[in-house]
Amino acid sequence: METLNFKTNINCSGCVAAVTPFLNSIPSVAHIDGWNVDTESPDKILTVQTTDNRIGEEIQKAVEQAGYWAELIPRP
């Protein structure tokens, strides 16, 4: 299992609700096992659990389609 973290501007439960259908519509071949947005974090971190760490771009596109932005946080 891989974890991808993104800095976003998803800052409230309404924003999370707006992004949800876009993230949930990513094809199942992307192997997303779950995701969560920490709206309490200053960077509004979107955490995605996946078995394929190459899907970062797909996640970013889905968030952008919802009208927000997401920037992949590189692993140390």
PDB file of N, CA and C in Angstrom:
ATOM      1  N   MET A   1       0.841  -1.176   0.000  1.00  0.00           N
ATOM      2  CA  MET A   1       0.000   0.000   0.000  1.00  0.00           C
ATOM      3  C   MET A   1       0.887   1.240   0.000  1.00  0.00           C
ATOM      4  N   GLU A   2       0.574   2.166  -0.864  1.00  0.00           N
ATOM      5  CA  GLU A   2       1.286   3.429  -0.966  1.00  0.00           C
ATOM      6  C   GLU A   2       0.378   4.546  -0.459  1.00  0.00           C
ATOM      7  N   THR A   3       0.973   5.598   0.065  1.00  0.00           N
ATOM      8  CA  THR A   3       0.222   6.770   0.483  1.00  0.00           C
ATOM      9  C   THR A   3       0.764   7.966  -0.272  1.00  0.00           C
ATOM     10  N   LEU A   4      -0.128   8.668  -0.945  1.00  0.00           N
ATOM     11  CA  LEU A   4       0.232   9.896  -1.643  1.00  0.00           C
ATOM     12  C   LEU A   4      -0.403  11.055  -0.887  1.00  0.00           C
ATOM     13  N   ASN A   5       0.359  12.119  -0.676  1.00  0.00           N
ATOM     14  CA  ASN A   5      -0.149  13.307  -0.002  1.00  0.00           C
ATOM     15  C   ASN A   5      -0.086  14.493  -0.944  1.00  0.00           C
ATOM     16  N   PHE A   6      -1.150  15.301  -0.892  1.00  0.00           N
ATOM     17  CA  PHE A   6      -1.255  16.473  -1.744  1.00  0.00           C
ATOM     18  C   PHE A   6      -1.602  17.687  -0.902  1.00  0.00           C
ATOM     19  N   LYS A   7      -0.954  18.785  -1.177  1.00  0.00           N
ATOM     20  CA  LYS A   7      -1.327  20.069  -0.605  1.00  0.00           C
ATOM     21  C   LYS A   7      -2.478  20.572  -1.472  1.00  0.00           C
ATOM     22  N   THR A   8      -3.572  21.055  -0.847  1.00  0.00           N
ATOM     23  CA  THR A   8      -4.747  21.475  -1.621  1.00  0.00           C
ATOM     24  C   THR A   8      -5.329  22.774  -1.083  1.00  0.00           C
ATOM     25  N   ASN A   9      -6.370  23.230  -1.753  1.00  0.00           N
ATOM     26  CA  ASN A   9      -7.170  24.341  -1.244  1.00  0.00           C
ATOM     27  C   ASN A   9      -8.588  23.866  -0.921  1.00  0.00           C
ATOM     28  N   ILE A  10      -8.737  22.595  -0.594  1.00  0.00           N
ATOM     29  CA  ILE A  10     -10.011  21.997  -0.184  1.00  0.00           C
ATOM     30  C   ILE A  10     -10.145  22.293   1.304  1.00  0.00           C
ATOM     31  N   ASN A  11     -10.945  23.313   1.670  1.00  0.00           N
ATOM     32  CA  ASN A  11     -10.850  23.788   3.044  1.00  0.00           C
ATOM     33  C   ASN A  11     -12.087  23.621   3.925  1.00  0.00           C
ATOM     34  N   CYS A  12     -13.114  22.911   3.453  1.00  0.00           N
ATOM     35  CA  CYS A  12     -14.298  22.734   4.301  1.00  0.00           C
ATOM     36  C   CYS A  12     -15.044  21.473   3.875  1.00  0.00           C
ATOM     37  N   SER A  13     -16.035  21.098   4.663  1.00  0.00           N
ATOM     38  CA  SER A  13     -16.786  19.881   4.339  1.00  0.00           C
ATOM     39  C   SER A  13     -17.555  20.032   3.029  1.00  0.00           C
ATOM     40  N   GLY A  14     -17.997  21.242   2.711  1.00  0.00           N
ATOM     41  CA  GLY A  14     -18.661  21.474   1.433  1.00  0.00           C
ATOM     42  C   GLY A  14     -17.714  21.279   0.259  1.00  0.00           C
ATOM     43  N   CYS A  15     -16.463  21.680   0.441  1.00  0.00           N
ATOM     44  CA  CYS A  15     -15.445  21.485  -0.592  1.00  0.00           C
ATOM     45  C   CYS A  15     -15.161  19.993  -0.780  1.00  0.00           C
ATOM     46  N   VAL A  16     -15.073  19.278   0.335  1.00  0.00           N
ATOM     47  CA  VAL A  16     -14.847  17.838   0.269  1.00  0.00           C
ATOM     48  C   VAL A  16     -16.005  17.183  -0.483  1.00  0.00           C
ATOM     49  N   ALA A  17     -17.223  17.615  -0.187  1.00  0.00           N
ATOM     50  CA  ALA A  17     -18.398  17.066  -0.871  1.00  0.00           C
ATOM     51  C   ALA A  17     -18.338  17.352  -2.366  1.00  0.00           C
ATOM     52  N   ALA A  18     -17.835  18.523  -2.745  1.00  0.00           N
ATOM     53  CA  ALA A  18     -17.742  18.887  -4.161  1.00  0.00           C
ATOM     54  C   ALA A  18     -16.695  18.047  -4.889  1.00  0.00           C
ATOM     55  N   VAL A  19     -15.628  17.705  -4.213  1.00  0.00           N
ATOM     56  CA  VAL A  19     -14.530  16.940  -4.821  1.00  0.00           C
ATOM     57  C   VAL A  19     -14.847  15.440  -4.868  1.00  0.00           C
ATOM     58  N   THR A  20     -15.661  14.969  -3.936  1.00  0.00           N
ATOM     59  CA  THR A  20     -15.931  13.540  -3.783  1.00  0.00           C
ATOM     60  C   THR A  20     -16.330  12.836  -5.074  1.00  0.00           C
ATOM     61  N   PRO A  21     -17.320  13.330  -5.832  1.00  0.00           N
ATOM     62  CA  PRO A  21     -17.692  12.584  -7.041  1.00  0.00           C
ATOM     63  C   PRO A  21     -16.565  12.497  -8.073  1.00  0.00           C
ATOM     64  N   PHE A  22     -15.703  13.498  -8.106  1.00  0.00           N
ATOM     65  CA  PHE A  22     -14.599  13.492  -9.063  1.00  0.00           C
ATOM     66  C   PHE A  22     -13.531  12.477  -8.654  1.00  0.00           C
ATOM     67  N   LEU A  23     -13.197  12.440  -7.374  1.00  0.00           N
ATOM     68  CA  LEU A  23     -12.212  11.455  -6.907  1.00  0.00           C
ATOM     69  C   LEU A  23     -12.776  10.040  -6.994  1.00  0.00           C
ATOM     70  N   ASN A  24     -14.049   9.899  -6.685  1.00  0.00           N
ATOM     71  CA  ASN A  24     -14.658   8.572  -6.741  1.00  0.00           C
ATOM     72  C   ASN A  24     -14.861   8.081  -8.168  1.00  0.00           C
ATOM     73  N   SER A  25     -14.785   8.978  -9.141  1.00  0.00           N
ATOM     74  CA  SER A  25     -14.968   8.575 -10.540  1.00  0.00           C
ATOM     75  C   SER A  25     -13.661   8.158 -11.214  1.00  0.00           C
ATOM     76  N   ILE A  26     -12.548   8.252 -10.493  1.00  0.00           N
ATOM     77  CA  ILE A  26     -11.285   7.772 -11.061  1.00  0.00           C
ATOM     78  C   ILE A  26     -11.439   6.269 -11.276  1.00  0.00           C
ATOM     79  N   PRO A  27     -11.106   5.771 -12.460  1.00  0.00           N
ATOM     80  CA  PRO A  27     -11.327   4.349 -12.761  1.00  0.00           C
ATOM     81  C   PRO A  27     -10.707   3.417 -11.723  1.00  0.00           C
ATOM     82  N   SER A  28     -11.382   2.314 -11.490  1.00  0.00           N
ATOM     83  CA  SER A  28     -10.922   1.368 -10.469  1.00  0.00           C
ATOM     84  C   SER A  28      -9.556   0.772 -10.792  1.00  0.00           C
ATOM     85  N   VAL A  29      -9.131   0.857 -12.047  1.00  0.00           N
ATOM     86  CA  VAL A  29      -7.802   0.350 -12.396  1.00  0.00           C
ATOM     87  C   VAL A  29      -6.710   1.162 -11.709  1.00  0.00           C
ATOM     88  N   ALA A  30      -7.077   2.341 -11.198  1.00  0.00           N
ATOM     89  CA  ALA A  30      -6.102   3.171 -10.492  1.00  0.00           C
ATOM     90  C   ALA A  30      -5.841   2.637  -9.089  1.00  0.00           C
ATOM     91  N   HIS A  31      -6.690   1.738  -8.609  1.00  0.00           N
ATOM     92  CA  HIS A  31      -6.489   1.071  -7.324  1.00  0.00           C
ATOM     93  C   HIS A  31      -6.429   2.032  -6.144  1.00  0.00           C
ATOM     94  N   ILE A  32      -7.397   2.942  -6.053  1.00  0.00           N
ATOM     95  CA  ILE A  32      -7.496   3.808  -4.894  1.00  0.00           C
ATOM     96  C   ILE A  32      -8.262   3.051  -3.816  1.00  0.00           C
ATOM     97  N   ASP A  33      -7.624   2.880  -2.673  1.00  0.00           N
ATOM     98  CA  ASP A  33      -8.246   2.144  -1.576  1.00  0.00           C
ATOM     99  C   ASP A  33      -8.932   3.064  -0.580  1.00  0.00           C
ATOM    100  N   GLY A  34      -8.716   4.348  -0.698  1.00  0.00           N
ATOM    101  CA  GLY A  34      -9.361   5.310   0.183  1.00  0.00           C
ATOM    102  C   GLY A  34      -8.664   6.649   0.108  1.00  0.00           C
ATOM    103  N   TRP A  35      -9.380   7.684   0.530  1.00  0.00           N
ATOM    104  CA  TRP A  35      -8.790   9.010   0.548  1.00  0.00           C
ATOM    105  C   TRP A  35      -9.448   9.837   1.641  1.00  0.00           C
ATOM    106  N   ASN A  36      -8.752  10.893   2.060  1.00  0.00           N
ATOM    107  CA  ASN A  36      -9.233  11.745   3.137  1.00  0.00           C
ATOM    108  C   ASN A  36      -8.597  13.124   2.993  1.00  0.00           C
ATOM    109  N   VAL A  37      -9.343  14.167   3.376  1.00  0.00           N
ATOM    110  CA  VAL A  37      -8.793  15.520   3.384  1.00  0.00           C
ATOM    111  C   VAL A  37      -8.782  16.013   4.824  1.00  0.00           C
ATOM    112  N   ASP A  38      -7.614  16.456   5.277  1.00  0.00           N
ATOM    113  CA  ASP A  38      -7.485  17.043   6.609  1.00  0.00           C
ATOM    114  C   ASP A  38      -7.700  18.541   6.477  1.00  0.00           C
ATOM    115  N   THR A  39      -8.950  18.981   6.634  1.00  0.00           N
ATOM    116  CA  THR A  39      -9.271  20.400   6.477  1.00  0.00           C
ATOM    117  C   THR A  39      -8.775  21.233   7.653  1.00  0.00           C
ATOM    118  N   GLU A  40      -8.346  20.590   8.723  1.00  0.00           N
ATOM    119  CA  GLU A  40      -7.795  21.301   9.881  1.00  0.00           C
ATOM    120  C   GLU A  40      -6.320  21.647   9.676  1.00  0.00           C
ATOM    121  N   SER A  41      -5.658  20.939   8.782  1.00  0.00           N
ATOM    122  CA  SER A  41      -4.242  21.179   8.494  1.00  0.00           C
ATOM    123  C   SER A  41      -4.101  22.495   7.732  1.00  0.00           C
ATOM    124  N   PRO A  42      -3.054  23.266   8.013  1.00  0.00           N
ATOM    125  CA  PRO A  42      -2.844  24.515   7.262  1.00  0.00           C
ATOM    126  C   PRO A  42      -2.696  24.283   5.754  1.00  0.00           C
ATOM    127  N   ASP A  43      -2.165  23.104   5.374  1.00  0.00           N
ATOM    128  CA  ASP A  43      -1.958  22.794   3.960  1.00  0.00           C
ATOM    129  C   ASP A  43      -3.115  22.006   3.354  1.00  0.00           C
ATOM    130  N   LYS A  44      -4.184  21.772   4.151  1.00  0.00           N
ATOM    131  CA  LYS A  44      -5.380  21.054   3.667  1.00  0.00           C
ATOM    132  C   LYS A  44      -4.975  19.780   2.933  1.00  0.00           C
ATOM    133  N   ILE A  45      -4.300  18.890   3.634  1.00  0.00           N
ATOM    134  CA  ILE A  45      -3.678  17.702   3.042  1.00  0.00           C
ATOM    135  C   ILE A  45      -4.713  16.666   2.603  1.00  0.00           C
ATOM    136  N   LEU A  46      -4.632  16.307   1.329  1.00  0.00           N
ATOM    137  CA  LEU A  46      -5.388  15.195   0.771  1.00  0.00           C
ATOM    138  C   LEU A  46      -4.475  13.982   0.808  1.00  0.00           C
ATOM    139  N   THR A  47      -4.910  12.937   1.503  1.00  0.00           N
ATOM    140  CA  THR A  47      -4.145  11.702   1.604  1.00  0.00           C
ATOM    141  C   THR A  47      -4.885  10.624   0.832  1.00  0.00           C
ATOM    142  N   VAL A  48      -4.174   9.952  -0.060  1.00  0.00           N
ATOM    143  CA  VAL A  48      -4.769   8.908  -0.892  1.00  0.00           C
ATOM    144  C   VAL A  48      -3.997   7.607  -0.655  1.00  0.00           C
ATOM    145  N   GLN A  49      -4.731   6.546  -0.321  1.00  0.00           N
ATOM    146  CA  GLN A  49      -4.137   5.220  -0.188  1.00  0.00           C
ATOM    147  C   GLN A  49      -4.355   4.490  -1.508  1.00  0.00           C
ATOM    148  N   THR A  50      -3.278   3.948  -2.047  1.00  0.00           N
ATOM    149  CA  THR A  50      -3.339   3.310  -3.354  1.00  0.00           C
ATOM    150  C   THR A  50      -2.325   2.179  -3.443  1.00  0.00           C
ATOM    151  N   THR A  51      -2.533   1.307  -4.397  1.00  0.00           N
ATOM    152  CA  THR A  51      -1.536   0.287  -4.681  1.00  0.00           C
ATOM    153  C   THR A  51      -0.712   0.682  -5.903  1.00  0.00           C
ATOM    154  N   ASP A  52      -0.985   1.863  -6.462  1.00  0.00           N
ATOM    155  CA  ASP A  52      -0.274   2.340  -7.652  1.00  0.00           C
ATOM    156  C   ASP A  52       0.109   3.797  -7.444  1.00  0.00           C
ATOM    157  N   ASN A  53       1.358   4.049  -7.086  1.00  0.00           N
ATOM    158  CA  ASN A  53       1.779   5.416  -6.785  1.00  0.00           C
ATOM    159  C   ASN A  53       1.972   6.277  -8.029  1.00  0.00           C
ATOM    160  N   ARG A  54       1.645   5.753  -9.205  1.00  0.00           N
ATOM    161  CA  ARG A  54       1.795   6.517 -10.446  1.00  0.00           C
ATOM    162  C   ARG A  54       0.533   7.297 -10.794  1.00  0.00           C
ATOM    163  N   ILE A  55      -0.468   7.304  -9.926  1.00  0.00           N
ATOM    164  CA  ILE A  55      -1.748   7.934 -10.269  1.00  0.00           C
ATOM    165  C   ILE A  55      -1.865   9.377  -9.789  1.00  0.00           C
ATOM    166  N   GLY A  56      -0.765   9.944  -9.334  1.00  0.00           N
ATOM    167  CA  GLY A  56      -0.793  11.313  -8.825  1.00  0.00           C
ATOM    168  C   GLY A  56      -1.414  12.305  -9.790  1.00  0.00           C
ATOM    169  N   GLU A  57      -1.083  12.185 -11.059  1.00  0.00           N
ATOM    170  CA  GLU A  57      -1.610  13.112 -12.061  1.00  0.00           C
ATOM    171  C   GLU A  57      -3.124  12.956 -12.218  1.00  0.00           C
ATOM    172  N   GLU A  58      -3.614  11.731 -12.169  1.00  0.00           N
ATOM    173  CA  GLU A  58      -5.058  11.498 -12.264  1.00  0.00           C
ATOM    174  C   GLU A  58      -5.794  12.136 -11.089  1.00  0.00           C
ATOM    175  N   ILE A  59      -5.205  12.040  -9.915  1.00  0.00           N
ATOM    176  CA  ILE A  59      -5.814  12.639  -8.736  1.00  0.00           C
ATOM    177  C   ILE A  59      -5.836  14.160  -8.874  1.00  0.00           C
ATOM    178  N   GLN A  60      -4.736  14.736  -9.315  1.00  0.00           N
ATOM    179  CA  GLN A  60      -4.676  16.179  -9.514  1.00  0.00           C
ATOM    180  C   GLN A  60      -5.730  16.633 -10.519  1.00  0.00           C
ATOM    181  N   LYS A  61      -5.890  15.925 -11.617  1.00  0.00           N
ATOM    182  CA  LYS A  61      -6.880  16.285 -12.630  1.00  0.00           C
ATOM    183  C   LYS A  61      -8.292  16.212 -12.064  1.00  0.00           C
ATOM    184  N   ALA A  62      -8.580  15.181 -11.266  1.00  0.00           N
ATOM    185  CA  ALA A  62      -9.912  15.036 -10.677  1.00  0.00           C
ATOM    186  C   ALA A  62     -10.216  16.206  -9.748  1.00  0.00           C
ATOM    187  N   VAL A  63      -9.245  16.599  -8.941  1.00  0.00           N
ATOM    188  CA  VAL A  63      -9.436  17.729  -8.024  1.00  0.00           C
ATOM    189  C   VAL A  63      -9.641  19.018  -8.820  1.00  0.00           C
ATOM    190  N   GLU A  64      -8.868  19.204  -9.886  1.00  0.00           N
ATOM    191  CA  GLU A  64      -9.000  20.400 -10.732  1.00  0.00           C
ATOM    192  C   GLU A  64     -10.354  20.449 -11.422  1.00  0.00           C
ATOM    193  N   GLN A  65     -10.876  19.301 -11.833  1.00  0.00           N
ATOM    194  CA  GLN A  65     -12.198  19.268 -12.463  1.00  0.00           C
ATOM    195  C   GLN A  65     -13.270  19.747 -11.493  1.00  0.00           C
ATOM    196  N   ALA A  66     -13.044  19.562 -10.205  1.00  0.00           N
ATOM    197  CA  ALA A  66     -13.993  20.011  -9.183  1.00  0.00           C
ATOM    198  C   ALA A  66     -13.814  21.495  -8.856  1.00  0.00           C
ATOM    199  N   GLY A  67     -12.789  22.128  -9.434  1.00  0.00           N
ATOM    200  CA  GLY A  67     -12.579  23.555  -9.220  1.00  0.00           C
ATOM    201  C   GLY A  67     -11.563  23.879  -8.134  1.00  0.00           C
ATOM    202  N   TYR A  68     -10.759  22.915  -7.748  1.00  0.00           N
ATOM    203  CA  TYR A  68      -9.745  23.112  -6.715  1.00  0.00           C
ATOM    204  C   TYR A  68      -8.385  22.759  -7.285  1.00  0.00           C
ATOM    205  N   TRP A  69      -7.343  22.849  -6.481  1.00  0.00           N
ATOM    206  CA  TRP A  69      -6.017  22.447  -6.938  1.00  0.00           C
ATOM    207  C   TRP A  69      -5.408  21.485  -5.929  1.00  0.00           C
ATOM    208  N   ALA A  70      -4.498  20.666  -6.409  1.00  0.00           N
ATOM    209  CA  ALA A  70      -3.779  19.705  -5.571  1.00  0.00           C
ATOM    210  C   ALA A  70      -2.351  19.609  -6.078  1.00  0.00           C
ATOM    211  N   GLU A  71      -1.416  19.718  -5.152  1.00  0.00           N
ATOM    212  CA  GLU A  71       0.011  19.647  -5.491  1.00  0.00           C
ATOM    213  C   GLU A  71       0.617  18.468  -4.737  1.00  0.00           C
ATOM    214  N   LEU A  72       1.172  17.532  -5.476  1.00  0.00           N
ATOM    215  CA  LEU A  72       1.783  16.346  -4.858  1.00  0.00           C
ATOM    216  C   LEU A  72       2.935  16.773  -3.962  1.00  0.00           C
ATOM    217  N   ILE A  73       2.926  16.266  -2.742  1.00  0.00           N
ATOM    218  CA  ILE A  73       4.029  16.523  -1.802  1.00  0.00           C
ATOM    219  C   ILE A  73       5.028  15.391  -1.992  1.00  0.00           C
ATOM    220  N   PRO A  74       6.240  15.725  -2.443  1.00  0.00           N
ATOM    221  CA  PRO A  74       7.241  14.681  -2.682  1.00  0.00           C
ATOM    222  C   PRO A  74       7.609  13.967  -1.386  1.00  0.00           C
ATOM    223  N   ARG A  75       7.894  12.690  -1.526  1.00  0.00           N
ATOM    224  CA  ARG A  75       8.357  11.924  -0.357  1.00  0.00           C
ATOM    225  C   ARG A  75       9.774  12.344  -0.037  1.00  0.00           C
ATOM    226  N   PRO A  76      10.102  12.323   1.255  1.00  0.00           N
ATOM    227  CA  PRO A  76      11.477  12.709   1.645  1.00  0.00           C
ATOM    228  C   PRO A  76      12.497  11.717   1.141  1.00  0.00           C
TER     229      PRO A  76
END
